[in-house]
Amino acid sequence: MKTTFDIDALRAVVSGIEQGSFARAAIELGRSQSAVSMQLKKLEQQAGVQLFARKGRGLVPTEAGEAFATYARRIIALNDEAARAVGAPVAPETVRLGLPQDFCDDVMPATVQAFANAHPDVHVAVRAGNNHTLNNEIEAGRLDGAIAFFPDNSGAKGELLCKLPIRWLAHVGFDQPAERATVPLVLFNHPCLFRQAALASLDKAGRRWRAVLTTPSLPAIWAGLRSGFGIGVRIEHSVPDDIATVGHWPALPDLPPVELRLLGSQTASPAARDMLSVLRGATMDFVEGAEPTAPTAPTAPTAQEGPFT
């Protein structure tokens, strides 16, 4: 007997995983929670394996469920592409974009605007947040494309766009610490590429340090520096006017550069591949101080090792 999965049930699976809640998925899809639960149960019976496990008051995908969701996205995309090709009604396509918080004010709006001009009927969902989660979101199929930071010479998959210097940063009114003083730091929470680079460089130089403030928010980093709590580390892109680079201070060792890579899903739709191209161009238009790299093939790239915040 052949197994045929219901497309509406597949949509419920994908929506529930992407939103982190099947209750929210039910609302988005205009169905009752009991109807969605019945669809999930039927899918598990058809698949012959457990696709979801209970965690707290909700459900999370098992390893088999994550693999199943990857195929579900591809089936849905092909179904909707076929419907559009013959003019049948279909919900607007969604392209999901991810990027670090550093690029929210310029790269993100430029990308979305240019893409919307070419694809006015496609909905764009943007996730701007912690860099270290972007690779996992691509691998899990929850994002179609992203730009993310990686350590220098990481060998990660994806298209290497450029290398950027990491800078020591402080408020313009912050007093330079004495050469042998403990360095006060304003840092992102662990895991964070910039945090790791700063601490490794200080440890290698034999410099004492202490974390004065830690946060997952880039605006909070700027606020902490502005309040005179300590010294931070980041690329120079979108640094506020009252925050200065202070790498020339004797107390601070040199920092390594960071790679900026373009990541994309292997199952990206034609529209998502167009978004990757637009994202590539917008990123290179706005990023200053980039060390150019040799161009690579513009195919949909994927990530390998997880990046950090």
C-alpha atoms as a PDB file:
ATOM      1  CA  MET A   1       0.000   0.000   0.000  1.00  0.00           C
ATOM      2  CA  LYS A   2       1.405   3.369  -1.016  1.00  0.00           C
ATOM      3  CA  THR A   3       1.740   6.138   1.555  1.00  0.00           C
ATOM      4  CA  THR A   4       0.404   9.548   0.560  1.00  0.00           C
ATOM      5  CA  PHE A   5       0.898  12.387   3.014  1.00  0.00           C
ATOM      6  CA  ASP A   6      -1.745  15.097   3.287  1.00  0.00           C
ATOM      7  CA  ILE A   7      -0.396  18.497   2.180  1.00  0.00           C
ATOM      8  CA  ASP A   8      -2.379  20.337   4.878  1.00  0.00           C
ATOM      9  CA  ALA A   9      -0.881  18.088   7.537  1.00  0.00           C
ATOM     10  CA  LEU A  10       2.583  18.795   6.157  1.00  0.00           C
ATOM     11  CA  ARG A  11       1.875  22.517   6.404  1.00  0.00           C
ATOM     12  CA  ALA A  12       0.895  22.029  10.048  1.00  0.00           C
ATOM     13  CA  VAL A  13       4.199  20.254  10.739  1.00  0.00           C
ATOM     14  CA  VAL A  14       6.294  22.981   9.133  1.00  0.00           C
ATOM     15  CA  SER A  15       4.324  25.819  10.734  1.00  0.00           C
ATOM     16  CA  GLY A  16       4.486  24.231  14.188  1.00  0.00           C
ATOM     17  CA  ILE A  17       8.250  23.717  14.023  1.00  0.00           C
ATOM     18  CA  GLU A  18       8.959  27.193  12.661  1.00  0.00           C
ATOM     19  CA  GLN A  19       6.785  28.914  15.256  1.00  0.00           C
ATOM     20  CA  GLY A  20       7.885  26.655  18.086  1.00  0.00           C
ATOM     21  CA  SER A  21       4.265  25.972  18.965  1.00  0.00           C
ATOM     22  CA  PHE A  22       1.547  23.894  17.337  1.00  0.00           C
ATOM     23  CA  ALA A  23      -1.037  26.016  19.155  1.00  0.00           C
ATOM     24  CA  ARG A  24       0.232  29.079  17.290  1.00  0.00           C
ATOM     25  CA  ALA A  25       0.403  27.021  14.100  1.00  0.00           C
ATOM     26  CA  ALA A  26      -3.273  26.123  14.493  1.00  0.00           C
ATOM     27  CA  ILE A  27      -4.172  29.806  14.764  1.00  0.00           C
ATOM     28  CA  GLU A  28      -2.057  30.702  11.735  1.00  0.00           C
ATOM     29  CA  LEU A  29      -3.611  27.904   9.666  1.00  0.00           C
ATOM     30  CA  GLY A  30      -7.152  28.673  10.817  1.00  0.00           C
ATOM     31  CA  ARG A  31      -7.704  25.260  12.424  1.00  0.00           C
ATOM     32  CA  SER A  32      -8.468  23.990  15.883  1.00  0.00           C
ATOM     33  CA  GLN A  33      -5.690  22.560  18.031  1.00  0.00           C
ATOM     34  CA  SER A  34      -7.507  19.216  18.112  1.00  0.00           C
ATOM     35  CA  ALA A  35      -7.584  19.117  14.296  1.00  0.00           C
ATOM     36  CA  VAL A  36      -3.853  19.785  14.099  1.00  0.00           C
ATOM     37  CA  SER A  37      -3.189  17.133  16.759  1.00  0.00           C
ATOM     38  CA  MET A  38      -5.174  14.585  14.755  1.00  0.00           C
ATOM     39  CA  GLN A  39      -3.163  15.459  11.628  1.00  0.00           C
ATOM     40  CA  LEU A  40       0.131  14.968  13.467  1.00  0.00           C
ATOM     41  CA  LYS A  41      -1.043  11.635  14.882  1.00  0.00           C
ATOM     42  CA  LYS A  42      -2.080  10.433  11.428  1.00  0.00           C
ATOM     43  CA  LEU A  43       1.295  11.446   9.972  1.00  0.00           C
ATOM     44  CA  GLU A  44       3.099   9.462  12.667  1.00  0.00           C
ATOM     45  CA  GLN A  45       0.929   6.432  11.923  1.00  0.00           C
ATOM     46  CA  GLN A  46       1.685   6.727   8.222  1.00  0.00           C
ATOM     47  CA  ALA A  47       5.408   7.266   8.788  1.00  0.00           C
ATOM     48  CA  GLY A  48       5.631   4.415  11.291  1.00  0.00           C
ATOM     49  CA  VAL A  49       7.948   6.388  13.595  1.00  0.00           C
ATOM     50  CA  GLN A  50       7.568   8.964  16.347  1.00  0.00           C
ATOM     51  CA  LEU A  51       7.912  12.416  14.776  1.00  0.00           C
ATOM     52  CA  PHE A  52       7.300  14.514  17.895  1.00  0.00           C
ATOM     53  CA  ALA A  53       8.004  14.212  21.598  1.00  0.00           C
ATOM     54  CA  ARG A  54       6.400  16.084  24.449  1.00  0.00           C
ATOM     55  CA  LYS A  55       8.549  18.717  26.154  1.00  0.00           C
ATOM     56  CA  GLY A  56       6.857  20.620  28.930  1.00  0.00           C
ATOM     57  CA  ARG A  57       3.437  21.607  27.640  1.00  0.00           C
ATOM     58  CA  GLY A  58       4.407  21.439  23.986  1.00  0.00           C
ATOM     59  CA  LEU A  59       5.763  19.136  21.303  1.00  0.00           C
ATOM     60  CA  VAL A  60       9.227  19.186  19.761  1.00  0.00           C
ATOM     61  CA  PRO A  61      10.383  17.233  16.685  1.00  0.00           C
ATOM     62  CA  THR A  62      12.413  14.078  17.190  1.00  0.00           C
ATOM     63  CA  GLU A  63      15.431  13.407  14.962  1.00  0.00           C
ATOM     64  CA  ALA A  64      13.071  11.620  12.582  1.00  0.00           C
ATOM     65  CA  GLY A  65      10.691  14.574  12.833  1.00  0.00           C
ATOM     66  CA  GLU A  66      13.410  17.051  11.821  1.00  0.00           C
ATOM     67  CA  ALA A  67      14.281  14.905   8.803  1.00  0.00           C
ATOM     68  CA  PHE A  68      10.603  14.568   7.932  1.00  0.00           C
ATOM     69  CA  ALA A  69      10.136  18.346   8.141  1.00  0.00           C
ATOM     70  CA  THR A  70      12.923  18.867   5.593  1.00  0.00           C
ATOM     71  CA  TYR A  71      11.027  16.780   3.049  1.00  0.00           C
ATOM     72  CA  ALA A  72       7.739  18.393   4.057  1.00  0.00           C
ATOM     73  CA  ARG A  73       9.121  21.824   3.146  1.00  0.00           C
ATOM     74  CA  ARG A  74      10.269  20.544  -0.239  1.00  0.00           C
ATOM     75  CA  ILE A  75       6.905  18.918  -0.952  1.00  0.00           C
ATOM     76  CA  ILE A  76       5.032  22.088   0.017  1.00  0.00           C
ATOM     77  CA  ALA A  77       7.324  24.243  -2.111  1.00  0.00           C
ATOM     78  CA  LEU A  78       6.850  22.003  -5.159  1.00  0.00           C
ATOM     79  CA  ASN A  79       3.092  21.863  -4.606  1.00  0.00           C
ATOM     80  CA  ASP A  80       2.830  25.657  -4.446  1.00  0.00           C
ATOM     81  CA  GLU A  81       5.188  26.131  -7.384  1.00  0.00           C
ATOM     82  CA  ALA A  82       3.028  23.821  -9.497  1.00  0.00           C
ATOM     83  CA  ALA A  83      -0.107  25.702  -8.424  1.00  0.00           C
ATOM     84  CA  ARG A  84       1.398  29.045  -9.402  1.00  0.00           C
ATOM     85  CA  ALA A  85       2.547  27.667 -12.745  1.00  0.00           C
ATOM     86  CA  VAL A  86      -1.040  26.876 -13.756  1.00  0.00           C
ATOM     87  CA  GLY A  87      -2.563  29.951 -12.132  1.00  0.00           C
ATOM     88  CA  ALA A  88      -4.269  28.124  -9.277  1.00  0.00           C
ATOM     89  CA  PRO A  89      -4.845  30.098  -6.059  1.00  0.00           C
ATOM     90  CA  VAL A  90      -2.142  29.606  -3.473  1.00  0.00           C
ATOM     91  CA  ALA A  91      -0.979  31.403  -0.347  1.00  0.00           C
ATOM     92  CA  PRO A  92       1.853  33.912  -0.928  1.00  0.00           C
ATOM     93  CA  GLU A  93       5.298  32.335  -0.850  1.00  0.00           C
ATOM     94  CA  THR A  94       7.459  33.203   2.150  1.00  0.00           C
ATOM     95  CA  VAL A  95      11.224  33.645   1.953  1.00  0.00           C
ATOM     96  CA  ARG A  96      12.992  33.570   5.325  1.00  0.00           C
ATOM     97  CA  LEU A  97      16.082  35.697   5.820  1.00  0.00           C
ATOM     98  CA  GLY A  98      18.494  35.726   8.754  1.00  0.00           C
ATOM     99  CA  LEU A  99      21.318  38.085   9.668  1.00  0.00           C
ATOM    100  CA  PRO A 100      23.273  39.336  12.688  1.00  0.00           C
ATOM    101  CA  GLN A 101      22.042  42.417  14.515  1.00  0.00           C
ATOM    102  CA  ASP A 102      24.912  44.480  13.056  1.00  0.00           C
ATOM    103  CA  PHE A 103      23.163  44.673   9.675  1.00  0.00           C
ATOM    104  CA  CYS A 104      19.588  45.571  10.708  1.00  0.00           C
ATOM    105  CA  ASP A 105      19.832  49.256   9.814  1.00  0.00           C
ATOM    106  CA  ASP A 106      21.218  49.019   6.279  1.00  0.00           C
ATOM    107  CA  VAL A 107      21.753  45.580   4.731  1.00  0.00           C
ATOM    108  CA  MET A 108      18.372  44.228   5.844  1.00  0.00           C
ATOM    109  CA  PRO A 109      16.145  47.064   4.537  1.00  0.00           C
ATOM    110  CA  ALA A 110      18.169  47.378   1.314  1.00  0.00           C
ATOM    111  CA  THR A 111      17.844  43.639   0.703  1.00  0.00           C
ATOM    112  CA  VAL A 112      14.139  43.479   1.433  1.00  0.00           C
ATOM    113  CA  GLN A 113      13.379  46.560  -0.692  1.00  0.00           C
ATOM    114  CA  ALA A 114      15.347  45.349  -3.714  1.00  0.00           C
ATOM    115  CA  PHE A 115      13.855  41.877  -3.433  1.00  0.00           C
ATOM    116  CA  ALA A 116      10.312  43.240  -3.053  1.00  0.00           C
ATOM    117  CA  ASN A 117      10.734  45.276  -6.227  1.00  0.00           C
ATOM    118  CA  ALA A 118      11.442  42.075  -8.171  1.00  0.00           C
ATOM    119  CA  HIS A 119       9.061  39.815  -6.213  1.00  0.00           C
ATOM    120  CA  PRO A 120       6.140  41.968  -5.018  1.00  0.00           C
ATOM    121  CA  ASP A 121       3.973  38.939  -4.210  1.00  0.00           C
ATOM    122  CA  VAL A 122       6.500  37.156  -1.993  1.00  0.00           C
ATOM    123  CA  HIS A 123       6.371  37.638   1.765  1.00  0.00           C
ATOM    124  CA  VAL A 124       9.736  38.154   3.488  1.00  0.00           C
ATOM    125  CA  ALA A 125      10.244  36.975   7.076  1.00  0.00           C
ATOM    126  CA  VAL A 126      13.363  38.419   8.700  1.00  0.00           C
ATOM    127  CA  ARG A 127      15.118  36.977  11.728  1.00  0.00           C
ATOM    128  CA  ALA A 128      17.770  39.362  13.041  1.00  0.00           C
ATOM    129  CA  GLY A 129      19.351  38.089  16.193  1.00  0.00           C
ATOM    130  CA  ASN A 130      22.125  36.010  17.660  1.00  0.00           C
ATOM    131  CA  ASN A 131      24.627  35.035  15.021  1.00  0.00           C
ATOM    132  CA  HIS A 132      25.349  31.611  16.540  1.00  0.00           C
ATOM    133  CA  THR A 133      21.784  30.396  15.864  1.00  0.00           C
ATOM    134  CA  LEU A 134      21.729  31.244  12.155  1.00  0.00           C
ATOM    135  CA  ASN A 135      23.664  28.189  10.994  1.00  0.00           C
ATOM    136  CA  ASN A 136      21.348  25.872  12.939  1.00  0.00           C
ATOM    137  CA  GLU A 137      18.302  27.612  11.476  1.00  0.00           C
ATOM    138  CA  ILE A 138      19.639  27.058   7.947  1.00  0.00           C
ATOM    139  CA  GLU A 139      20.425  23.397   8.644  1.00  0.00           C
ATOM    140  CA  ALA A 140      16.973  22.832  10.167  1.00  0.00           C
ATOM    141  CA  GLY A 141      15.272  24.445   7.175  1.00  0.00           C
ATOM    142  CA  ARG A 142      13.825  27.306   9.207  1.00  0.00           C
ATOM    143  CA  LEU A 143      15.757  29.890   7.152  1.00  0.00           C
ATOM    144  CA  ASP A 144      16.290  30.051   3.397  1.00  0.00           C
ATOM    145  CA  GLY A 145      19.319  32.339   3.482  1.00  0.00           C
ATOM    146  CA  ALA A 146      21.528  34.208   5.909  1.00  0.00           C
ATOM    147  CA  ILE A 147      24.804  36.003   6.427  1.00  0.00           C
ATOM    148  CA  ALA A 148      26.835  35.011   9.478  1.00  0.00           C
ATOM    149  CA  PHE A 149      30.219  35.494  11.106  1.00  0.00           C
ATOM    150  CA  PHE A 150      32.770  32.682  11.351  1.00  0.00           C
ATOM    151  CA  PRO A 151      36.276  32.470  12.787  1.00  0.00           C
ATOM    152  CA  ASP A 152      39.107  33.340  10.421  1.00  0.00           C
ATOM    153  CA  ASN A 153      40.177  30.415   8.217  1.00  0.00           C
ATOM    154  CA  SER A 154      37.257  28.382   9.523  1.00  0.00           C
ATOM    155  CA  GLY A 155      36.946  26.261   6.394  1.00  0.00           C
ATOM    156  CA  ALA A 156      33.171  26.440   6.803  1.00  0.00           C
ATOM    157  CA  LYS A 157      30.892  25.827   3.862  1.00  0.00           C
ATOM    158  CA  GLY A 158      28.976  28.708   2.367  1.00  0.00           C
ATOM    159  CA  GLU A 159      30.264  31.567   0.269  1.00  0.00           C
ATOM    160  CA  LEU A 160      33.040  33.616   1.846  1.00  0.00           C
ATOM    161  CA  LEU A 161      32.042  37.222   1.155  1.00  0.00           C
ATOM    162  CA  CYS A 162      34.886  38.997   2.946  1.00  0.00           C
ATOM    163  CA  LYS A 163      37.024  39.210   6.046  1.00  0.00           C
ATOM    164  CA  LEU A 164      36.483  41.976   8.579  1.00  0.00           C
ATOM    165  CA  PRO A 165      38.759  43.220  11.371  1.00  0.00           C
ATOM    166  CA  ILE A 166      37.521  42.869  14.936  1.00  0.00           C
ATOM    167  CA  ARG A 167      38.012  46.069  16.935  1.00  0.00           C
ATOM    168  CA  TRP A 168      38.291  46.996  20.591  1.00  0.00           C
ATOM    169  CA  LEU A 169      35.592  49.600  21.265  1.00  0.00           C
ATOM    170  CA  ALA A 170      34.811  52.039  24.069  1.00  0.00           C
ATOM    171  CA  HIS A 171      32.775  55.181  24.674  1.00  0.00           C
ATOM    172  CA  VAL A 172      34.622  58.333  23.614  1.00  0.00           C
ATOM    173  CA  GLY A 173      34.726  59.478  27.247  1.00  0.00           C
ATOM    174  CA  PHE A 174      35.995  56.207  28.705  1.00  0.00           C
ATOM    175  CA  ASP A 175      39.342  56.426  30.499  1.00  0.00           C
ATOM    176  CA  GLN A 176      42.120  54.254  29.110  1.00  0.00           C
ATOM    177  CA  PRO A 177      43.004  51.464  31.582  1.00  0.00           C
ATOM    178  CA  ALA A 178      46.554  51.323  32.880  1.00  0.00           C
ATOM    179  CA  GLU A 179      48.827  48.942  31.030  1.00  0.00           C
ATOM    180  CA  ARG A 180      48.803  46.386  33.860  1.00  0.00           C
ATOM    181  CA  ALA A 181      45.256  47.018  35.080  1.00  0.00           C
ATOM    182  CA  THR A 182      42.449  44.462  34.837  1.00  0.00           C
ATOM    183  CA  VAL A 183      40.560  45.074  31.579  1.00  0.00           C
ATOM    184  CA  PRO A 184      36.797  45.607  32.166  1.00  0.00           C
ATOM    185  CA  LEU A 185      34.753  43.981  29.400  1.00  0.00           C
ATOM    186  CA  VAL A 186      31.240  44.424  27.998  1.00  0.00           C
ATOM    187  CA  LEU A 187      30.501  41.164  26.184  1.00  0.00           C
ATOM    188  CA  PHE A 188      27.882  39.085  24.447  1.00  0.00           C
ATOM    189  CA  ASN A 189      26.683  35.994  26.245  1.00  0.00           C
ATOM    190  CA  HIS A 190      28.422  32.703  25.493  1.00  0.00           C
ATOM    191  CA  PRO A 191      28.733  31.377  22.798  1.00  0.00           C
ATOM    192  CA  CYS A 192      30.114  34.353  20.898  1.00  0.00           C
ATOM    193  CA  LEU A 193      32.913  34.565  18.347  1.00  0.00           C
ATOM    194  CA  PHE A 194      33.830  38.116  19.384  1.00  0.00           C
ATOM    195  CA  ARG A 195      33.822  37.215  23.056  1.00  0.00           C
ATOM    196  CA  GLN A 196      36.052  34.188  22.421  1.00  0.00           C
ATOM    197  CA  ALA A 197      38.467  36.206  20.277  1.00  0.00           C
ATOM    198  CA  ALA A 198      38.786  38.907  22.952  1.00  0.00           C
ATOM    199  CA  LEU A 199      39.342  36.500  25.841  1.00  0.00           C
ATOM    200  CA  ALA A 200      41.787  34.333  23.882  1.00  0.00           C
ATOM    201  CA  SER A 201      43.825  37.403  22.882  1.00  0.00           C
ATOM    202  CA  LEU A 202      43.911  38.761  26.433  1.00  0.00           C
ATOM    203  CA  ASP A 203      44.870  35.371  27.878  1.00  0.00           C
ATOM    204  CA  LYS A 204      47.616  34.924  25.284  1.00  0.00           C
ATOM    205  CA  ALA A 205      48.997  38.355  26.156  1.00  0.00           C
ATOM    206  CA  GLY A 206      48.861  37.532  29.873  1.00  0.00           C
ATOM    207  CA  ARG A 207      46.362  40.330  30.552  1.00  0.00           C
ATOM    208  CA  ARG A 208      43.870  40.126  33.389  1.00  0.00           C
ATOM    209  CA  TRP A 209      40.236  40.791  32.531  1.00  0.00           C
ATOM    210  CA  ARG A 210      36.785  40.710  34.086  1.00  0.00           C
ATOM    211  CA  ALA A 211      33.347  40.627  32.510  1.00  0.00           C
ATOM    212  CA  VAL A 212      31.484  43.670  33.830  1.00  0.00           C
ATOM    213  CA  LEU A 213      28.351  43.209  31.720  1.00  0.00           C
ATOM    214  CA  THR A 214      27.105  40.395  29.467  1.00  0.00           C
ATOM    215  CA  THR A 215      24.046  40.486  27.200  1.00  0.00           C
ATOM    216  CA  PRO A 216      22.557  38.845  24.067  1.00  0.00           C
ATOM    217  CA  SER A 217      21.612  42.256  22.639  1.00  0.00           C
ATOM    218  CA  LEU A 218      23.788  44.488  20.443  1.00  0.00           C
ATOM    219  CA  PRO A 219      21.899  47.659  21.479  1.00  0.00           C
ATOM    220  CA  ALA A 220      22.588  46.652  25.088  1.00  0.00           C
ATOM    221  CA  ILE A 221      26.299  46.342  24.232  1.00  0.00           C
ATOM    222  CA  TRP A 222      26.274  49.936  22.937  1.00  0.00           C
ATOM    223  CA  ALA A 223      24.350  51.086  26.022  1.00  0.00           C
ATOM    224  CA  GLY A 224      26.852  49.369  28.304  1.00  0.00           C
ATOM    225  CA  LEU A 225      29.792  51.029  26.556  1.00  0.00           C
ATOM    226  CA  ARG A 226      28.003  54.363  26.551  1.00  0.00           C
ATOM    227  CA  SER A 227      27.456  54.048  30.293  1.00  0.00           C
ATOM    228  CA  GLY A 228      31.193  53.619  30.841  1.00  0.00           C
ATOM    229  CA  PHE A 229      30.997  50.027  32.083  1.00  0.00           C
ATOM    230  CA  GLY A 230      34.002  48.876  30.083  1.00  0.00           C
ATOM    231  CA  ILE A 231      35.456  47.926  26.691  1.00  0.00           C
ATOM    232  CA  GLY A 232      33.749  45.851  23.995  1.00  0.00           C
ATOM    233  CA  VAL A 233      34.660  43.959  20.814  1.00  0.00           C
ATOM    234  CA  ARG A 234      32.861  44.010  17.489  1.00  0.00           C
ATOM    235  CA  ILE A 235      33.333  44.843  13.828  1.00  0.00           C
ATOM    236  CA  GLU A 236      33.221  48.549  12.994  1.00  0.00           C
ATOM    237  CA  HIS A 237      30.025  48.258  10.941  1.00  0.00           C
ATOM    238  CA  SER A 238      27.145  50.336  12.327  1.00  0.00           C
ATOM    239  CA  VAL A 239      29.107  51.397  15.406  1.00  0.00           C
ATOM    240  CA  PRO A 240      27.421  54.463  17.004  1.00  0.00           C
ATOM    241  CA  ASP A 241      29.150  57.826  16.553  1.00  0.00           C
ATOM    242  CA  ASP A 242      29.987  58.105  20.253  1.00  0.00           C
ATOM    243  CA  ILE A 243      31.750  54.716  20.320  1.00  0.00           C
ATOM    244  CA  ALA A 244      35.423  54.757  19.266  1.00  0.00           C
ATOM    245  CA  THR A 245      37.988  52.131  18.325  1.00  0.00           C
ATOM    246  CA  VAL A 246      40.664  51.872  21.024  1.00  0.00           C
ATOM    247  CA  GLY A 247      42.909  49.082  19.780  1.00  0.00           C
ATOM    248  CA  HIS A 248      45.907  51.429  20.042  1.00  0.00           C
ATOM    249  CA  TRP A 249      45.708  51.388  23.836  1.00  0.00           C
ATOM    250  CA  PRO A 250      48.750  49.537  25.266  1.00  0.00           C
ATOM    251  CA  ALA A 251      46.552  47.383  27.512  1.00  0.00           C
ATOM    252  CA  LEU A 252      44.802  45.775  24.543  1.00  0.00           C
ATOM    253  CA  PRO A 253      46.346  43.048  22.343  1.00  0.00           C
ATOM    254  CA  ASP A 254      45.704  42.568  18.621  1.00  0.00           C
ATOM    255  CA  LEU A 255      42.560  40.730  17.544  1.00  0.00           C
ATOM    256  CA  PRO A 256      42.084  38.295  14.621  1.00  0.00           C
ATOM    257  CA  PRO A 257      39.773  39.087  11.686  1.00  0.00           C
ATOM    258  CA  VAL A 258      36.396  37.438  11.230  1.00  0.00           C
ATOM    259  CA  GLU A 259      34.862  35.852   8.141  1.00  0.00           C
ATOM    260  CA  LEU A 260      31.479  36.948   6.816  1.00  0.00           C
ATOM    261  CA  ARG A 261      29.793  34.130   4.912  1.00  0.00           C
ATOM    262  CA  LEU A 262      26.621  33.763   2.877  1.00  0.00           C
ATOM    263  CA  LEU A 263      24.610  30.675   3.838  1.00  0.00           C
ATOM    264  CA  GLY A 264      21.697  29.148   1.982  1.00  0.00           C
ATOM    265  CA  SER A 265      19.381  26.178   2.164  1.00  0.00           C
ATOM    266  CA  GLN A 266      19.986  23.298  -0.247  1.00  0.00           C
ATOM    267  CA  THR A 267      16.241  23.266  -0.906  1.00  0.00           C
ATOM    268  CA  ALA A 268      15.917  27.012  -1.540  1.00  0.00           C
ATOM    269  CA  SER A 269      13.167  27.943  -3.990  1.00  0.00           C
ATOM    270  CA  PRO A 270      13.899  30.092  -7.061  1.00  0.00           C
ATOM    271  CA  ALA A 271      12.655  33.138  -5.162  1.00  0.00           C
ATOM    272  CA  ALA A 272      14.884  32.274  -2.185  1.00  0.00           C
ATOM    273  CA  ARG A 273      17.880  31.916  -4.502  1.00  0.00           C
ATOM    274  CA  ASP A 274      17.100  35.369  -5.865  1.00  0.00           C
ATOM    275  CA  MET A 275      17.042  36.631  -2.277  1.00  0.00           C
ATOM    276  CA  LEU A 276      20.523  35.175  -1.731  1.00  0.00           C
ATOM    277  CA  SER A 277      21.803  37.089  -4.748  1.00  0.00           C
ATOM    278  CA  VAL A 278      20.234  40.330  -3.524  1.00  0.00           C
ATOM    279  CA  LEU A 279      21.578  39.749  -0.010  1.00  0.00           C
ATOM    280  CA  ARG A 280      25.080  39.192  -1.371  1.00  0.00           C
ATOM    281  CA  GLY A 281      25.012  42.464  -3.293  1.00  0.00           C
ATOM    282  CA  ALA A 282      23.505  44.530  -0.477  1.00  0.00           C
ATOM    283  CA  THR A 283      26.012  43.177   2.030  1.00  0.00           C
ATOM    284  CA  MET A 284      29.009  44.071  -0.102  1.00  0.00           C
ATOM    285  CA  ASP A 285      27.526  47.518  -0.872  1.00  0.00           C
ATOM    286  CA  PHE A 286      27.330  48.444   2.805  1.00  0.00           C
ATOM    287  CA  VAL A 287      30.209  46.633   4.495  1.00  0.00           C
ATOM    288  CA  GLU A 288      33.242  48.901   4.810  1.00  0.00           C
ATOM    289  CA  GLY A 289      36.761  47.839   5.634  1.00  0.00           C
ATOM    290  CA  ALA A 290      36.229  44.393   4.157  1.00  0.00           C
ATOM    291  CA  GLU A 291      39.237  42.440   2.997  1.00  0.00           C
ATOM    292  CA  PRO A 292      38.240  41.217  -0.490  1.00  0.00           C
ATOM    293  CA  THR A 293      38.249  37.499  -1.171  1.00  0.00           C
ATOM    294  CA  ALA A 294      38.279  35.472  -4.367  1.00  0.00           C
ATOM    295  CA  PRO A 295      34.720  34.991  -5.705  1.00  0.00           C
ATOM    296  CA  THR A 296      33.172  31.572  -5.359  1.00  0.00           C
ATOM    297  CA  ALA A 297      30.407  29.855  -7.290  1.00  0.00           C
ATOM    298  CA  PRO A 298      27.059  31.603  -6.631  1.00  0.00           C
ATOM    299  CA  THR A 299      25.196  28.398  -5.866  1.00  0.00           C
ATOM    300  CA  ALA A 300      23.031  28.114  -2.765  1.00  0.00           C
ATOM    301  CA  PRO A 301      25.643  27.691  -0.012  1.00  0.00           C
ATOM    302  CA  THR A 302      25.256  25.778   3.193  1.00  0.00           C
ATOM    303  CA  ALA A 303      27.011  26.047   6.524  1.00  0.00           C
ATOM    304  CA  GLN A 304      29.203  23.478   8.188  1.00  0.00           C
ATOM    305  CA  GLU A 305      30.524  24.480  11.592  1.00  0.00           C
ATOM    306  CA  GLY A 306      28.164  26.584  13.683  1.00  0.00           C
ATOM    307  CA  PRO A 307      29.017  30.301  13.821  1.00  0.00           C
ATOM    308  CA  PHE A 308      28.976  32.292  17.014  1.00  0.00           C
ATOM    309  CA  THR A 309      27.211  35.468  18.112  1.00  0.00           C
END
